[in-house]
Amino acid sequence: MTYVRKIAGNVRGTVSNHIINKVRGINRVLYDISGKPLATIEWA
């Protein structure tokens, strides 16, 4: 079962900036808002 959690915009920004600044080689953080369960996400 998939659960939806709302995350405030300022929290998303803070977390994504922290990841980008602290993890070498990471230059983008994505927040998936699709209705598909995580196990069915396909990247092209």
PDB file of N, CA and C in Angstrom:
ATOM      1  N   MET A   1       0.848  -1.168   0.000  1.00  0.00           N
ATOM      2  CA  MET A   1       0.000   0.000   0.000  1.00  0.00           C
ATOM      3  C   MET A   1       0.902   1.243   0.000  1.00  0.00           C
ATOM      4  N   THR A   2       0.514   2.245  -0.765  1.00  0.00           N
ATOM      5  CA  THR A   2       1.271   3.488  -0.849  1.00  0.00           C
ATOM      6  C   THR A   2       0.600   4.553   0.001  1.00  0.00           C
ATOM      7  N   TYR A   3       1.390   5.284   0.752  1.00  0.00           N
ATOM      8  CA  TYR A   3       0.878   6.372   1.580  1.00  0.00           C
ATOM      9  C   TYR A   3       1.365   7.698   1.026  1.00  0.00           C
ATOM     10  N   VAL A   4       0.515   8.703   1.078  1.00  0.00           N
ATOM     11  CA  VAL A   4       0.866  10.037   0.603  1.00  0.00           C
ATOM     12  C   VAL A   4       1.139  10.918   1.800  1.00  0.00           C
ATOM     13  N   ARG A   5       2.261  11.575   1.769  1.00  0.00           N
ATOM     14  CA  ARG A   5       2.627  12.510   2.830  1.00  0.00           C
ATOM     15  C   ARG A   5       2.859  13.877   2.206  1.00  0.00           C
ATOM     16  N   LYS A   6       2.271  14.891   2.771  1.00  0.00           N
ATOM     17  CA  LYS A   6       2.508  16.250   2.307  1.00  0.00           C
ATOM     18  C   LYS A   6       3.742  16.796   3.018  1.00  0.00           C
ATOM     19  N   ILE A   7       4.627  17.411   2.240  1.00  0.00           N
ATOM     20  CA  ILE A   7       5.836  18.001   2.787  1.00  0.00           C
ATOM     21  C   ILE A   7       5.844  19.477   2.403  1.00  0.00           C
ATOM     22  N   ALA A   8       6.006  20.337   3.376  1.00  0.00           N
ATOM     23  CA  ALA A   8       6.017  21.777   3.120  1.00  0.00           C
ATOM     24  C   ALA A   8       7.151  22.148   2.172  1.00  0.00           C
ATOM     25  N   GLY A   9       6.898  23.135   1.322  1.00  0.00           N
ATOM     26  CA  GLY A   9       7.883  23.564   0.337  1.00  0.00           C
ATOM     27  C   GLY A   9       9.212  23.956   0.935  1.00  0.00           C
ATOM     28  N   ASN A  10       9.200  24.643   2.077  1.00  0.00           N
ATOM     29  CA  ASN A  10      10.464  25.056   2.676  1.00  0.00           C
ATOM     30  C   ASN A  10      11.259  23.855   3.182  1.00  0.00           C
ATOM     31  N   VAL A  11      10.567  22.798   3.624  1.00  0.00           N
ATOM     32  CA  VAL A  11      11.260  21.585   4.064  1.00  0.00           C
ATOM     33  C   VAL A  11      11.880  20.875   2.859  1.00  0.00           C
ATOM     34  N   ARG A  12      11.136  20.764   1.769  1.00  0.00           N
ATOM     35  CA  ARG A  12      11.687  20.139   0.554  1.00  0.00           C
ATOM     36  C   ARG A  12      12.922  20.885   0.086  1.00  0.00           C
ATOM     37  N   GLY A  13      12.848  22.193   0.078  1.00  0.00           N
ATOM     38  CA  GLY A  13      13.991  22.994  -0.354  1.00  0.00           C
ATOM     39  C   GLY A  13      15.197  22.822   0.552  1.00  0.00           C
ATOM     40  N   THR A  14      14.971  22.822   1.844  1.00  0.00           N
ATOM     41  CA  THR A  14      16.057  22.654   2.803  1.00  0.00           C
ATOM     42  C   THR A  14      16.715  21.290   2.657  1.00  0.00           C
ATOM     43  N   VAL A  15      15.894  20.244   2.563  1.00  0.00           N
ATOM     44  CA  VAL A  15      16.432  18.884   2.439  1.00  0.00           C
ATOM     45  C   VAL A  15      17.178  18.712   1.123  1.00  0.00           C
ATOM     46  N   SER A  16      16.588  19.174   0.023  1.00  0.00           N
ATOM     47  CA  SER A  16      17.249  18.998  -1.270  1.00  0.00           C
ATOM     48  C   SER A  16      18.556  19.780  -1.337  1.00  0.00           C
ATOM     49  N   ASN A  17      18.585  20.990  -0.807  1.00  0.00           N
ATOM     50  CA  ASN A  17      19.834  21.760  -0.780  1.00  0.00           C
ATOM     51  C   ASN A  17      20.895  21.069   0.065  1.00  0.00           C
ATOM     52  N   HIS A  18      20.485  20.506   1.191  1.00  0.00           N
ATOM     53  CA  HIS A  18      21.431  19.804   2.058  1.00  0.00           C
ATOM     54  C   HIS A  18      22.034  18.597   1.323  1.00  0.00           C
ATOM     55  N   ILE A  19      21.194  17.819   0.653  1.00  0.00           N
ATOM     56  CA  ILE A  19      21.684  16.649  -0.088  1.00  0.00           C
ATOM     57  C   ILE A  19      22.638  17.079  -1.189  1.00  0.00           C
ATOM     58  N   ILE A  20      22.252  18.091  -1.957  1.00  0.00           N
ATOM     59  CA  ILE A  20      23.086  18.558  -3.070  1.00  0.00           C
ATOM     60  C   ILE A  20      24.427  19.084  -2.569  1.00  0.00           C
ATOM     61  N   ASN A  21      24.426  19.781  -1.447  1.00  0.00           N
ATOM     62  CA  ASN A  21      25.668  20.369  -0.928  1.00  0.00           C
ATOM     63  C   ASN A  21      26.566  19.363  -0.209  1.00  0.00           C
ATOM     64  N   LYS A  22      26.007  18.299   0.307  1.00  0.00           N
ATOM     65  CA  LYS A  22      26.788  17.357   1.119  1.00  0.00           C
ATOM     66  C   LYS A  22      27.196  16.079   0.403  1.00  0.00           C
ATOM     67  N   VAL A  23      26.466  15.676  -0.639  1.00  0.00           N
ATOM     68  CA  VAL A  23      26.748  14.404  -1.300  1.00  0.00           C
ATOM     69  C   VAL A  23      27.461  14.676  -2.624  1.00  0.00           C
ATOM     70  N   ARG A  24      28.693  14.238  -2.696  1.00  0.00           N
ATOM     71  CA  ARG A  24      29.505  14.466  -3.892  1.00  0.00           C
ATOM     72  C   ARG A  24      28.869  13.778  -5.102  1.00  0.00           C
ATOM     73  N   GLY A  25      28.776  14.487  -6.215  1.00  0.00           N
ATOM     74  CA  GLY A  25      28.243  13.926  -7.447  1.00  0.00           C
ATOM     75  C   GLY A  25      26.739  14.091  -7.623  1.00  0.00           C
ATOM     76  N   ILE A  26      26.042  14.573  -6.601  1.00  0.00           N
ATOM     77  CA  ILE A  26      24.600  14.798  -6.704  1.00  0.00           C
ATOM     78  C   ILE A  26      24.362  16.243  -7.107  1.00  0.00           C
ATOM     79  N   ASN A  27      23.606  16.457  -8.171  1.00  0.00           N
ATOM     80  CA  ASN A  27      23.315  17.817  -8.602  1.00  0.00           C
ATOM     81  C   ASN A  27      21.822  18.070  -8.789  1.00  0.00           C
ATOM     82  N   ARG A  28      20.995  17.057  -8.425  1.00  0.00           N
ATOM     83  CA  ARG A  28      19.551  17.226  -8.565  1.00  0.00           C
ATOM     84  C   ARG A  28      18.848  16.283  -7.596  1.00  0.00           C
ATOM     85  N   VAL A  29      17.804  16.791  -6.953  1.00  0.00           N
ATOM     86  CA  VAL A  29      16.963  15.973  -6.080  1.00  0.00           C
ATOM     87  C   VAL A  29      15.540  16.101  -6.595  1.00  0.00           C
ATOM     88  N   LEU A  30      14.886  14.966  -6.827  1.00  0.00           N
ATOM     89  CA  LEU A  30      13.536  14.972  -7.369  1.00  0.00           C
ATOM     90  C   LEU A  30      12.538  14.489  -6.330  1.00  0.00           C
ATOM     91  N   TYR A  31      11.383  15.101  -6.307  1.00  0.00           N
ATOM     92  CA  TYR A  31      10.290  14.710  -5.433  1.00  0.00           C
ATOM     93  C   TYR A  31       9.185  14.201  -6.339  1.00  0.00           C
ATOM     94  N   ASP A  32       8.945  12.908  -6.308  1.00  0.00           N
ATOM     95  CA  ASP A  32       7.979  12.281  -7.211  1.00  0.00           C
ATOM     96  C   ASP A  32       6.551  12.524  -6.714  1.00  0.00           C
ATOM     97  N   ILE A  33       5.733  13.183  -7.538  1.00  0.00           N
ATOM     98  CA  ILE A  33       4.357  13.473  -7.146  1.00  0.00           C
ATOM     99  C   ILE A  33       3.351  12.655  -7.948  1.00  0.00           C
ATOM    100  N   SER A  34       3.847  11.650  -8.676  1.00  0.00           N
ATOM    101  CA  SER A  34       2.938  10.824  -9.465  1.00  0.00           C
ATOM    102  C   SER A  34       2.110   9.929  -8.553  1.00  0.00           C
ATOM    103  N   GLY A  35       1.008   9.444  -9.073  1.00  0.00           N
ATOM    104  CA  GLY A  35       0.138   8.581  -8.300  1.00  0.00           C
ATOM    105  C   GLY A  35       0.524   7.115  -8.358  1.00  0.00           C
ATOM    106  N   LYS A  36       1.607   6.818  -9.073  1.00  0.00           N
ATOM    107  CA  LYS A  36       2.021   5.429  -9.220  1.00  0.00           C
ATOM    108  C   LYS A  36       2.746   4.954  -7.961  1.00  0.00           C
ATOM    109  N   PRO A  37       2.543   3.708  -7.565  1.00  0.00           N
ATOM    110  CA  PRO A  37       3.318   3.161  -6.450  1.00  0.00           C
ATOM    111  C   PRO A  37       4.809   3.152  -6.792  1.00  0.00           C
ATOM    112  N   LEU A  38       5.640   3.286  -5.797  1.00  0.00           N
ATOM    113  CA  LEU A  38       7.085   3.382  -6.020  1.00  0.00           C
ATOM    114  C   LEU A  38       7.649   2.221  -6.808  1.00  0.00           C
ATOM    115  N   ALA A  39       7.145   1.027  -6.638  1.00  0.00           N
ATOM    116  CA  ALA A  39       7.689  -0.138  -7.316  1.00  0.00           C
ATOM    117  C   ALA A  39       7.426  -0.132  -8.820  1.00  0.00           C
ATOM    118  N   THR A  40       6.556   0.742  -9.302  1.00  0.00           N
ATOM    119  CA  THR A  40       6.216   0.724 -10.726  1.00  0.00           C
ATOM    120  C   THR A  40       6.800   1.903 -11.479  1.00  0.00           C
ATOM    121  N   ILE A  41       7.617   2.707 -10.838  1.00  0.00           N
ATOM    122  CA  ILE A  41       8.212   3.864 -11.524  1.00  0.00           C
ATOM    123  C   ILE A  41       9.244   3.380 -12.536  1.00  0.00           C
ATOM    124  N   GLU A  42       9.126   3.874 -13.747  1.00  0.00           N
ATOM    125  CA  GLU A  42      10.059   3.497 -14.807  1.00  0.00           C
ATOM    126  C   GLU A  42      10.733   4.754 -15.325  1.00  0.00           C
ATOM    127  N   TRP A  43      12.054   4.728 -15.397  1.00  0.00           N
ATOM    128  CA  TRP A  43      12.826   5.856 -15.902  1.00  0.00           C
ATOM    129  C   TRP A  43      13.196   5.578 -17.345  1.00  0.00           C
ATOM    130  N   ALA A  44      13.015   6.570 -18.205  1.00  0.00           N
ATOM    131  CA  ALA A  44      13.357   6.402 -19.617  1.00  0.00           C
ATOM    132  C   ALA A  44      14.746   6.917 -19.880  1.00  0.00           C
TER     133      ALA A  44
END
